[in-house]
Amino acid sequence: MKFDTIVAAATPPGTGGIGIVRISGPAAAAIAGQLVGALPAPRQAHCRTFCNAAGEAIDSGMVLYFPAPNSFTGEDVVELQGHGGLVPIAMIVDAAVAAGARPAAPGEFTQRAFLNDKLDLTQAEAVADLIGSGTAQAARAALRSLSGEFSQRITAIAEEVERLRLYVEAAIDFPEEEVDFLSDEELHATIERAAATFATLVGQAAVGRVLRDGYRVVIVGKPNAGKSSLMNRLSGEDTAIVTEVAGTTRDILREQIDIDGLAVELVDTAGLRDDPDRIEAEGIRRAREALASADAALWIQDASEHGDDDSRAALPTDLLDIPVLIVRNKIDLTSEGAGRDPQDDNKISVSANTGAGLDELRAQIGQLAGYKNLGEQTITARRRHVDALRRAEQHFVAGCRALHEERAGEVFAEELRLAHQALGEITGATSSDDLLGRIFSEFCIGK
C-alpha cells in the first residue's frame, strides 16, 4: 500500500533538550536530504545542520534513517533530532512541508504501521495507552499489549472458534454421520475449553479496561462530615482546606491516587444541604454535576452524630444510579470499630484523623471498580474490546445452547461465525474504515 509523505513533531510541544521531527513515506529520504544533505547509513546517527529551502541554517542535531520495511511505519522513515522548543521544531516541520511533505493527521504514523502490517489494531491502540498510562501497572499492562500478548490471546480463541465452525460445517455436509458428530467427546471437550477461555478473557479485558480508563470516585455527604479530611488523608496531600466551619468546600477539588496499580481520581465536593448561601449553592450544583460523570461515590457520614441515618433509603437520588460506598467517618470520636461492616459489604467505618480503616477503604474502592491486580496476566483493554469479547461470548453460548438443546448444528455454525467476526473486530481483522478512523483520531499528532 502506497501513501504520500507525512511529517510531524514526535515530541510534545514545549521546551526541552531534544525535539524530534519524524518524516515517513516514499519521499522521506529525498525530503530529508533537502534539509540535511546526504543521509547517514541506515540506523546510524550522524550530526547534521538542518537548513530551509533558502539554504539558511535553522537548527543542528542528529539524523537517523530507517529504510522500508524495517521501520515503525513500514515505510522509509527519517528522524531529525534537534533542539527542543516550539520555534525550532516548527521551523523544521515547515521546511519539510516546503520540500514536499504534508502535516500528519493525529495518529497517522501508527495508522500506517497498522495498515502496513507492522502492528495489529490492539497493538496500535496500546501505543496510545502506554503514552497515557496513569500508573506503573497501567504502563506495564500497555507494554504487554503492545508486545502482542493481548492479540495472541484473542487470536488463539478466534482460531479455536474457527476450527470448531469448520468441523461442524464439515459434519453437516455428511448427515449420515450426524449421530457421531453430536456425541463426539472431543468436540464437547473443545467447547468446554473454549467456554472457559472466553470467561477468562472477558474478566481480564474488564480489568484491563478499568486499568486503562481509571476510576472516578466522587466524595459526597453533608457539610462537616469529614470529606475534605478524608480526601487529604487518602491522597497524602493537603489539597482541601479543613476547618470546623461547615461549608468550607465550595469548588470541585481533584486528586489522583494509586490503588494497587489502579489510577483512582478522587473528587471532593461541597457538602449537600437544603439551605446553603448563594456561593455554597453553586458548589452544591457542581457537586451534583460531578456525580453525573462519576463511576462511584463515597457517601461520607459523621459517625459521632447519633441522629445521622445511615440507611440506604436516606441516600440522595443523585446516588441511585452508581455504586455507592457508605463511609462512616470520625470513629475516633466514638467506640465504633474500624473496617467493613459484617452485615453490609458496601459500608465501612474509618477515621480520617487517625487513619484507622483506610487500608480497607482503599481495597474496597478497588473491589467497587471490579479491579484486581492480575500480575503478569494484566493487559490493557478498551471498552470496545470488552464489548466485542462479550458479544463473541454471547454468540458462542447461544450456539452451544442450540446444539445441546435443539441439535441444531447449522445454528451452532452460524453463531460461531458471528463470534469469530466479533473477535476479528478487536485485532482489526474485520474492522470497518469508520472504526479505524475513530480510533486513530484519538491519538496525538506525531504518533
Protein backbone atom coordinates (compact mmCIF):
# COMPACT_ATOMS: atom_id res chain seq x y z
CA MET A 1 0.00 0.00 0.00
CA LYS A 2 1.46 3.36 -1.07
CA PHE A 3 0.91 6.67 0.68
CA ASP A 4 2.15 10.22 0.38
CA THR A 5 4.88 11.50 2.71
CA ILE A 6 3.95 12.97 6.08
CA VAL A 7 5.81 14.96 8.75
CA ALA A 8 5.11 15.88 12.37
CA ALA A 9 6.82 16.55 15.67
CA ALA A 10 7.12 13.28 17.59
CA THR A 11 7.82 15.03 20.89
CA PRO A 12 5.20 17.07 22.78
CA PRO A 13 5.03 20.85 22.47
CA GLY A 14 7.12 22.79 24.96
CA THR A 15 10.73 23.48 25.91
CA GLY A 16 13.19 20.62 26.30
CA GLY A 17 16.67 19.43 25.50
CA ILE A 18 15.63 17.48 22.39
CA GLY A 19 12.81 17.80 19.90
CA ILE A 20 12.21 15.07 17.32
CA VAL A 21 10.61 15.50 13.91
CA ARG A 22 9.55 12.34 12.10
CA ILE A 23 9.13 12.06 8.32
CA SER A 24 7.53 8.93 6.84
CA GLY A 25 6.62 7.91 3.30
CA PRO A 26 8.09 7.15 -0.11
CA ALA A 27 9.76 10.56 -0.42
CA ALA A 28 11.05 10.71 3.17
CA ALA A 29 14.70 10.24 2.23
CA ALA A 30 14.55 12.78 -0.62
CA ILE A 31 12.75 15.39 1.51
CA ALA A 32 15.10 14.93 4.46
CA GLY A 33 18.03 15.15 2.04
CA GLN A 34 16.92 18.65 1.07
CA LEU A 35 17.13 19.68 4.74
CA VAL A 36 20.34 17.92 5.85
CA GLY A 37 22.24 16.88 2.71
CA ALA A 38 23.44 13.30 2.39
CA LEU A 39 21.69 10.91 4.74
CA PRO A 40 23.74 8.67 7.02
CA ALA A 41 23.81 4.89 6.60
CA PRO A 42 20.62 3.17 7.83
CA ARG A 43 20.18 3.13 11.62
CA GLN A 44 23.36 5.14 12.21
CA ALA A 45 23.12 8.53 13.93
CA HIS A 46 25.08 11.41 12.40
CA CYS A 47 25.22 15.09 13.33
CA ARG A 48 23.94 17.44 10.62
CA THR A 49 22.92 21.06 10.15
CA PHE A 50 19.26 21.48 9.21
CA CYS A 51 18.54 24.08 6.50
CA ASN A 52 15.40 25.52 4.94
CA ALA A 53 14.67 25.90 1.21
CA ALA A 54 16.71 29.13 1.09
CA GLY A 55 19.75 27.33 2.44
CA GLU A 56 19.57 29.08 5.81
CA ALA A 57 20.57 27.06 8.87
CA ILE A 58 17.59 26.60 11.18
CA ASP A 59 18.96 24.04 13.66
CA SER A 60 21.50 21.26 14.09
CA GLY A 61 21.26 17.80 15.57
CA MET A 62 21.17 14.08 14.89
CA VAL A 63 19.75 12.36 11.81
CA LEU A 64 18.54 8.73 11.72
CA TYR A 65 17.37 6.92 8.58
CA PHE A 66 15.21 3.77 8.66
CA PRO A 67 14.57 2.34 5.15
CA ALA A 68 11.36 0.41 4.49
CA PRO A 69 10.21 -2.08 5.57
CA ASN A 70 12.37 -2.04 8.71
CA SER A 71 10.81 0.98 10.39
CA PHE A 72 7.94 1.71 12.75
CA THR A 73 5.53 2.57 9.92
CA GLY A 74 6.91 0.02 7.44
CA GLU A 75 7.84 2.94 5.14
CA ASP A 76 11.03 4.95 4.72
CA VAL A 77 11.34 6.98 7.92
CA VAL A 78 13.77 9.77 8.81
CA GLU A 79 14.04 11.24 12.29
CA LEU A 80 15.56 14.68 12.79
CA GLN A 81 16.56 15.18 16.41
CA GLY A 82 17.04 18.88 17.00
CA HIS A 83 16.79 21.19 20.00
CA GLY A 84 13.54 21.13 21.92
CA GLY A 85 11.33 24.18 21.71
CA LEU A 86 8.28 25.38 19.82
CA VAL A 87 10.13 27.56 17.31
CA PRO A 88 12.99 25.21 16.25
CA ILE A 89 10.60 22.27 15.84
CA ALA A 90 8.08 24.36 13.87
CA MET A 91 10.85 25.59 11.56
CA ILE A 92 11.98 22.02 10.82
CA VAL A 93 8.40 20.88 10.14
CA ASP A 94 7.79 23.91 7.90
CA ALA A 95 10.99 23.18 5.95
CA ALA A 96 9.89 19.56 5.41
CA VAL A 97 6.45 20.71 4.21
CA ALA A 98 8.08 23.18 1.82
CA ALA A 99 10.18 20.28 0.48
CA GLY A 100 7.09 18.20 -0.34
CA ALA A 101 5.76 16.55 2.83
CA ARG A 102 2.35 17.24 4.30
CA PRO A 103 1.47 17.62 8.01
CA ALA A 104 0.44 14.29 9.53
CA ALA A 105 -3.05 13.76 10.93
CA PRO A 106 -3.44 12.60 14.55
CA GLY A 107 -2.25 9.00 14.91
CA GLU A 108 -1.31 8.72 11.23
CA PHE A 109 2.13 7.21 11.86
CA THR A 110 0.62 4.43 13.98
CA GLN A 111 -2.23 4.02 11.50
CA ARG A 112 0.31 3.41 8.73
CA ALA A 113 2.09 0.88 10.93
CA PHE A 114 -1.26 -0.95 11.23
CA LEU A 115 -2.08 -0.71 7.53
CA ASN A 116 1.40 -1.95 6.64
CA ASP A 117 1.02 -4.97 8.97
CA LYS A 118 3.65 -3.82 11.44
CA LEU A 119 1.06 -3.80 14.24
CA ASP A 120 -2.44 -5.17 14.64
CA LEU A 121 -5.20 -2.93 15.98
CA THR A 122 -4.80 -3.84 19.66
CA GLN A 123 -1.07 -3.17 19.46
CA ALA A 124 -1.68 0.15 17.72
CA GLU A 125 -4.11 1.19 20.46
CA ALA A 126 -1.60 0.08 23.09
CA VAL A 127 0.80 2.75 21.76
CA ALA A 128 -1.64 5.45 22.88
CA ASP A 129 -2.41 3.56 26.10
CA LEU A 130 1.27 3.36 27.02
CA ILE A 131 1.72 7.08 26.40
CA GLY A 132 -1.35 7.92 28.51
CA SER A 133 -0.66 5.48 31.37
CA GLY A 134 -1.68 6.82 34.76
CA THR A 135 0.23 4.27 36.88
CA ALA A 136 3.25 2.00 36.53
CA GLN A 137 0.92 -1.03 36.47
CA ALA A 138 -1.06 0.52 33.60
CA ALA A 139 2.18 1.20 31.72
CA ARG A 140 3.34 -2.40 32.15
CA ALA A 141 -0.06 -3.69 31.01
CA ALA A 142 0.02 -1.44 27.93
CA LEU A 143 3.53 -2.67 27.11
CA ARG A 144 2.31 -6.27 27.27
CA SER A 145 -0.48 -5.42 24.83
CA LEU A 146 1.98 -3.56 22.61
CA SER A 147 4.23 -6.63 22.55
CA GLY A 148 1.27 -8.66 21.26
CA GLU A 149 0.17 -10.61 24.36
CA PHE A 150 -3.47 -9.49 24.16
CA SER A 151 -3.54 -10.07 20.40
CA GLN A 152 -2.15 -13.59 20.87
CA ARG A 153 -4.87 -14.45 23.37
CA ILE A 154 -7.58 -13.14 21.04
CA THR A 155 -6.05 -14.89 18.03
CA ALA A 156 -5.86 -18.20 19.92
CA ILE A 157 -9.56 -18.21 20.87
CA ALA A 158 -10.51 -16.98 17.37
CA GLU A 159 -8.63 -19.91 15.83
CA GLU A 160 -10.34 -22.31 18.26
CA VAL A 161 -13.75 -20.94 17.28
CA GLU A 162 -12.89 -21.15 13.58
CA ARG A 163 -11.74 -24.77 13.90
CA LEU A 164 -14.99 -25.63 15.68
CA ARG A 165 -17.02 -23.96 12.96
CA LEU A 166 -15.18 -25.75 10.14
CA TYR A 167 -15.56 -29.08 11.93
CA VAL A 168 -19.31 -28.53 12.43
CA GLU A 169 -19.86 -27.39 8.84
CA ALA A 170 -17.96 -30.40 7.52
CA ALA A 171 -20.09 -32.70 9.68
CA ILE A 172 -23.28 -31.04 8.42
CA ASP A 173 -22.24 -31.85 4.87
CA PHE A 174 -22.36 -35.57 5.78
CA PRO A 175 -25.76 -36.01 7.51
CA GLU A 176 -25.35 -39.75 7.78
CA GLU A 177 -22.65 -39.08 10.41
CA GLU A 178 -24.83 -36.69 12.46
CA VAL A 179 -25.15 -39.04 15.45
CA ASP A 180 -21.39 -39.45 15.74
CA PHE A 181 -20.95 -35.69 15.36
CA LEU A 182 -23.33 -34.80 18.20
CA SER A 183 -21.84 -37.37 20.57
CA ASP A 184 -18.20 -36.56 19.80
CA GLU A 185 -16.45 -36.32 23.19
CA GLU A 186 -13.53 -34.40 21.72
CA LEU A 187 -15.94 -31.82 20.30
CA HIS A 188 -17.58 -31.27 23.68
CA ALA A 189 -14.18 -31.06 25.40
CA THR A 190 -13.17 -28.37 22.90
CA ILE A 191 -16.41 -26.48 23.57
CA GLU A 192 -15.81 -26.59 27.34
CA ARG A 193 -12.22 -25.40 26.88
CA ALA A 194 -13.34 -22.52 24.65
CA ALA A 195 -16.07 -21.51 27.12
CA ALA A 196 -13.53 -21.35 29.95
CA THR A 197 -11.18 -19.29 27.77
CA PHE A 198 -13.97 -16.83 26.93
CA ALA A 199 -14.78 -16.36 30.62
CA THR A 200 -11.11 -15.74 31.47
CA LEU A 201 -10.60 -13.29 28.61
CA VAL A 202 -13.73 -11.29 29.42
CA GLY A 203 -12.55 -10.96 33.02
CA GLN A 204 -9.03 -9.96 32.00
CA ALA A 205 -10.33 -7.40 29.49
CA ALA A 206 -12.72 -5.90 32.05
CA VAL A 207 -9.84 -5.42 34.48
CA GLY A 208 -7.69 -4.04 31.67
CA ARG A 209 -10.36 -1.50 30.73
CA VAL A 210 -10.61 -0.17 34.28
CA LEU A 211 -6.81 -0.07 34.48
CA ARG A 212 -6.61 1.93 31.25
CA ASP A 213 -9.52 4.32 31.87
CA GLY A 214 -9.00 4.80 35.60
CA TYR A 215 -11.83 5.14 38.08
CA ARG A 216 -13.52 8.36 39.17
CA VAL A 217 -14.86 8.46 42.72
CA VAL A 218 -16.82 11.47 43.99
CA ILE A 219 -16.78 12.17 47.72
CA VAL A 220 -20.18 13.46 48.87
CA GLY A 221 -22.01 13.94 52.11
CA LYS A 222 -23.40 16.53 54.47
CA PRO A 223 -21.26 19.54 55.50
CA ASN A 224 -18.60 18.82 58.14
CA ALA A 225 -18.78 15.03 57.73
CA GLY A 226 -15.03 14.97 57.11
CA LYS A 227 -15.00 14.74 53.31
CA SER A 228 -12.01 17.05 52.85
CA SER A 229 -10.08 15.41 55.68
CA LEU A 230 -10.65 12.03 54.07
CA MET A 231 -9.55 13.37 50.67
CA ASN A 232 -6.32 14.73 52.17
CA ARG A 233 -5.60 11.51 54.07
CA LEU A 234 -6.19 9.25 51.05
CA SER A 235 -4.13 11.40 48.68
CA GLY A 236 -1.37 12.26 51.15
CA GLU A 237 -1.71 15.93 50.15
CA ASP A 238 -3.24 18.93 51.90
CA THR A 239 -5.34 19.68 48.85
CA ALA A 240 -8.57 20.60 50.61
CA ILE A 241 -8.96 23.23 53.31
CA VAL A 242 -10.14 21.64 56.54
CA THR A 243 -11.91 23.72 59.22
CA GLU A 244 -14.67 23.27 61.77
CA VAL A 245 -16.84 25.67 59.77
CA ALA A 246 -19.48 23.84 57.76
CA GLY A 247 -19.49 24.56 54.02
CA THR A 248 -15.76 25.35 53.66
CA THR A 249 -15.51 23.45 50.37
CA ARG A 250 -17.19 25.49 47.64
CA ASP A 251 -15.49 24.22 44.48
CA ILE A 252 -14.55 20.84 42.99
CA LEU A 253 -11.14 19.51 44.10
CA ARG A 254 -9.42 16.59 42.40
CA GLU A 255 -6.54 14.30 43.33
CA GLN A 256 -5.29 11.05 41.78
CA ILE A 257 -4.26 8.13 43.96
CA ASP A 258 -2.81 4.73 43.10
CA ILE A 259 -4.63 1.69 44.48
CA ASP A 260 -2.52 -1.38 43.69
CA GLY A 261 -1.81 -0.05 40.20
CA LEU A 262 -5.29 1.38 39.53
CA ALA A 263 -5.43 5.15 38.94
CA VAL A 264 -8.32 6.49 41.02
CA GLU A 265 -9.41 10.10 40.68
CA LEU A 266 -10.89 11.41 43.93
CA VAL A 267 -13.28 14.35 43.58
CA ASP A 268 -14.06 16.36 46.73
CA THR A 269 -17.30 18.31 46.61
CA ALA A 270 -19.33 20.81 48.60
CA GLY A 271 -21.46 19.39 51.39
CA LEU A 272 -25.07 18.70 50.41
CA ARG A 273 -27.66 20.57 52.49
CA ASP A 274 -31.01 22.26 52.00
CA ASP A 275 -30.33 25.91 52.93
CA PRO A 276 -26.91 26.97 51.54
CA ASP A 277 -25.86 30.54 50.78
CA ARG A 278 -25.57 31.58 47.14
CA ILE A 279 -21.88 30.68 46.73
CA GLU A 280 -22.27 27.37 48.53
CA ALA A 281 -25.32 26.62 46.38
CA GLU A 282 -23.11 26.88 43.29
CA GLY A 283 -20.69 24.42 44.92
CA ILE A 284 -23.57 22.00 45.54
CA ARG A 285 -24.68 22.36 41.92
CA ARG A 286 -21.16 21.45 40.80
CA ALA A 287 -21.13 18.51 43.19
CA ARG A 288 -24.28 17.11 41.59
CA GLU A 289 -22.75 17.73 38.16
CA ALA A 290 -19.63 15.76 39.19
CA LEU A 291 -21.84 12.88 40.29
CA ALA A 292 -23.31 12.68 36.79
CA SER A 293 -19.91 11.66 35.38
CA ALA A 294 -18.71 9.57 38.34
CA ASP A 295 -18.02 5.84 38.31
CA ALA A 296 -18.83 5.56 42.01
CA ALA A 297 -19.37 7.66 45.12
CA LEU A 298 -18.25 7.66 48.74
CA TRP A 299 -21.19 8.81 50.89
CA ILE A 300 -19.45 10.22 53.98
CA GLN A 301 -21.31 10.21 57.28
CA ASP A 302 -20.30 11.61 60.65
CA ALA A 303 -20.30 8.58 62.96
CA SER A 304 -20.25 10.87 66.01
CA GLU A 305 -23.69 12.24 65.14
CA HIS A 306 -26.04 9.63 66.53
CA GLY A 307 -29.00 11.07 64.72
CA ASP A 308 -27.39 10.51 61.30
CA ASP A 309 -29.49 8.00 59.37
CA ASP A 310 -27.11 5.58 57.66
CA SER A 311 -29.77 3.55 55.87
CA ARG A 312 -29.67 3.33 52.10
CA ALA A 313 -33.13 4.85 51.93
CA ALA A 314 -31.56 8.14 53.10
CA LEU A 315 -29.20 8.38 50.13
CA PRO A 316 -29.76 11.34 47.78
CA THR A 317 -31.44 10.48 44.49
CA ASP A 318 -28.21 11.51 42.71
CA LEU A 319 -26.61 8.34 44.07
CA LEU A 320 -29.19 5.83 42.91
CA ASP A 321 -27.60 5.09 39.51
CA ILE A 322 -23.95 4.46 40.52
CA PRO A 323 -22.22 2.18 43.05
CA VAL A 324 -22.07 3.80 46.49
CA LEU A 325 -19.81 3.00 49.41
CA ILE A 326 -21.14 4.34 52.72
CA VAL A 327 -18.19 5.59 54.79
CA ARG A 328 -18.77 6.28 58.47
CA ASN A 329 -16.05 8.77 59.38
CA LYS A 330 -14.83 10.14 62.76
CA ILE A 331 -14.98 6.82 64.57
CA ASP A 332 -12.12 8.14 66.75
CA LEU A 333 -14.85 10.16 68.50
CA THR A 334 -16.93 7.03 69.14
CA SER A 335 -16.47 3.48 70.34
CA GLU A 336 -17.14 2.16 66.83
CA GLY A 337 -14.53 -0.21 65.39
CA ALA A 338 -12.75 0.38 62.08
CA GLY A 339 -13.28 -1.70 58.97
CA ARG A 340 -16.01 -3.20 56.86
CA ASP A 341 -19.48 -3.71 58.26
CA PRO A 342 -20.00 -7.51 58.52
CA GLN A 343 -23.70 -7.01 57.69
CA ASP A 344 -23.12 -4.78 54.66
CA ASP A 345 -20.17 -5.11 52.26
CA ASN A 346 -20.76 -1.58 50.99
CA LYS A 347 -20.44 0.09 54.38
CA ILE A 348 -17.15 0.79 56.14
CA SER A 349 -16.08 2.68 59.28
CA VAL A 350 -12.92 4.83 59.25
CA SER A 351 -11.17 7.73 60.89
CA ALA A 352 -9.62 10.32 58.59
CA ASN A 353 -7.96 11.76 61.70
CA THR A 354 -6.07 8.62 62.79
CA GLY A 355 -6.05 6.68 59.51
CA ALA A 356 -7.92 3.73 61.02
CA GLY A 357 -9.73 1.67 58.37
CA LEU A 358 -8.24 3.50 55.39
CA ASP A 359 -6.37 0.47 54.04
CA GLU A 360 -9.66 -1.42 54.00
CA LEU A 361 -11.30 1.59 52.33
CA ARG A 362 -8.70 1.61 49.53
CA ALA A 363 -9.20 -2.12 48.98
CA GLN A 364 -12.97 -1.63 48.95
CA ILE A 365 -12.70 1.07 46.27
CA GLY A 366 -10.67 -1.35 44.13
CA GLN A 367 -13.34 -4.01 44.56
CA LEU A 368 -16.05 -1.49 43.72
CA ALA A 369 -14.21 -0.83 40.44
CA GLY A 370 -14.06 -4.56 39.71
CA TYR A 371 -10.27 -4.31 39.68
CA LYS A 372 -7.70 -6.81 40.85
CA ASN A 373 -4.01 -6.96 40.12
CA LEU A 374 -3.56 -9.93 37.79
CA GLY A 375 0.22 -9.63 37.76
CA GLU A 376 1.77 -10.83 34.52
CA GLN A 377 -1.70 -11.63 33.16
CA THR A 378 -2.71 -7.96 33.22
CA ILE A 379 -3.21 -6.37 29.82
CA THR A 380 -4.64 -3.02 28.83
CA ALA A 381 -8.02 -3.06 27.13
CA ARG A 382 -10.64 -0.62 25.92
CA ARG A 383 -14.39 -0.57 26.25
CA ARG A 384 -14.76 -1.69 22.62
CA HIS A 385 -12.57 -4.73 23.35
CA VAL A 386 -14.75 -5.73 26.29
CA ASP A 387 -17.94 -5.17 24.29
CA ALA A 388 -16.65 -7.25 21.35
CA LEU A 389 -15.49 -10.05 23.63
CA ARG A 390 -18.85 -10.17 25.38
CA ARG A 391 -20.68 -10.26 22.05
CA ALA A 392 -18.41 -13.09 20.89
CA GLU A 393 -19.05 -15.00 24.12
CA GLN A 394 -22.82 -14.46 23.79
CA HIS A 395 -22.80 -15.84 20.23
CA PHE A 396 -20.73 -18.80 21.41
CA VAL A 397 -23.08 -19.55 24.31
CA ALA A 398 -26.16 -19.18 22.07
CA GLY A 399 -24.63 -21.59 19.57
CA CYS A 400 -23.82 -24.14 22.27
CA ARG A 401 -27.38 -23.92 23.59
CA ALA A 402 -28.77 -24.52 20.10
CA LEU A 403 -26.50 -27.52 19.68
CA HIS A 404 -27.28 -29.14 23.01
CA GLU A 405 -30.98 -28.35 23.30
CA GLU A 406 -32.13 -28.41 19.68
CA ARG A 407 -29.38 -30.46 17.98
CA ALA A 408 -29.17 -27.50 15.55
CA GLY A 409 -25.71 -27.79 14.04
CA GLU A 410 -26.45 -25.13 11.43
CA VAL A 411 -27.36 -22.57 14.12
CA PHE A 412 -24.24 -23.51 16.07
CA ALA A 413 -22.06 -22.93 13.00
CA GLU A 414 -23.67 -19.55 12.29
CA GLU A 415 -23.24 -18.38 15.88
CA LEU A 416 -19.59 -19.46 15.72
CA ARG A 417 -19.16 -17.39 12.56
CA LEU A 418 -20.59 -14.34 14.31
CA ALA A 419 -18.36 -14.95 17.34
CA HIS A 420 -15.31 -15.16 15.09
CA GLN A 421 -16.32 -11.92 13.38
CA ALA A 422 -16.66 -10.11 16.73
CA LEU A 423 -13.20 -11.31 17.79
CA GLY A 424 -11.81 -10.03 14.49
CA GLU A 425 -13.03 -6.53 15.37
CA ILE A 426 -10.62 -6.48 18.31
CA THR A 427 -7.45 -7.13 16.31
CA GLY A 428 -8.64 -5.28 13.22
CA ALA A 429 -9.15 -8.34 11.02
CA THR A 430 -12.80 -7.36 10.43
CA SER A 431 -12.82 -3.67 11.40
CA SER A 432 -14.55 -1.00 9.30
CA ASP A 433 -12.90 2.13 7.99
CA ASP A 434 -15.16 4.22 10.24
CA LEU A 435 -13.93 2.34 13.32
CA LEU A 436 -10.30 2.79 12.30
CA GLY A 437 -10.88 6.50 11.73
CA ARG A 438 -12.39 6.94 15.20
CA ILE A 439 -9.59 5.01 16.90
CA PHE A 440 -6.67 6.81 15.30
CA SER A 441 -8.27 10.25 15.55
CA GLU A 442 -7.87 9.97 19.34
CA PHE A 443 -4.07 9.75 19.02
CA CYS A 444 -1.90 12.82 19.38
CA ILE A 445 -0.22 14.24 16.26
CA GLY A 446 3.21 12.71 15.66
CA LYS A 447 2.29 9.24 16.99
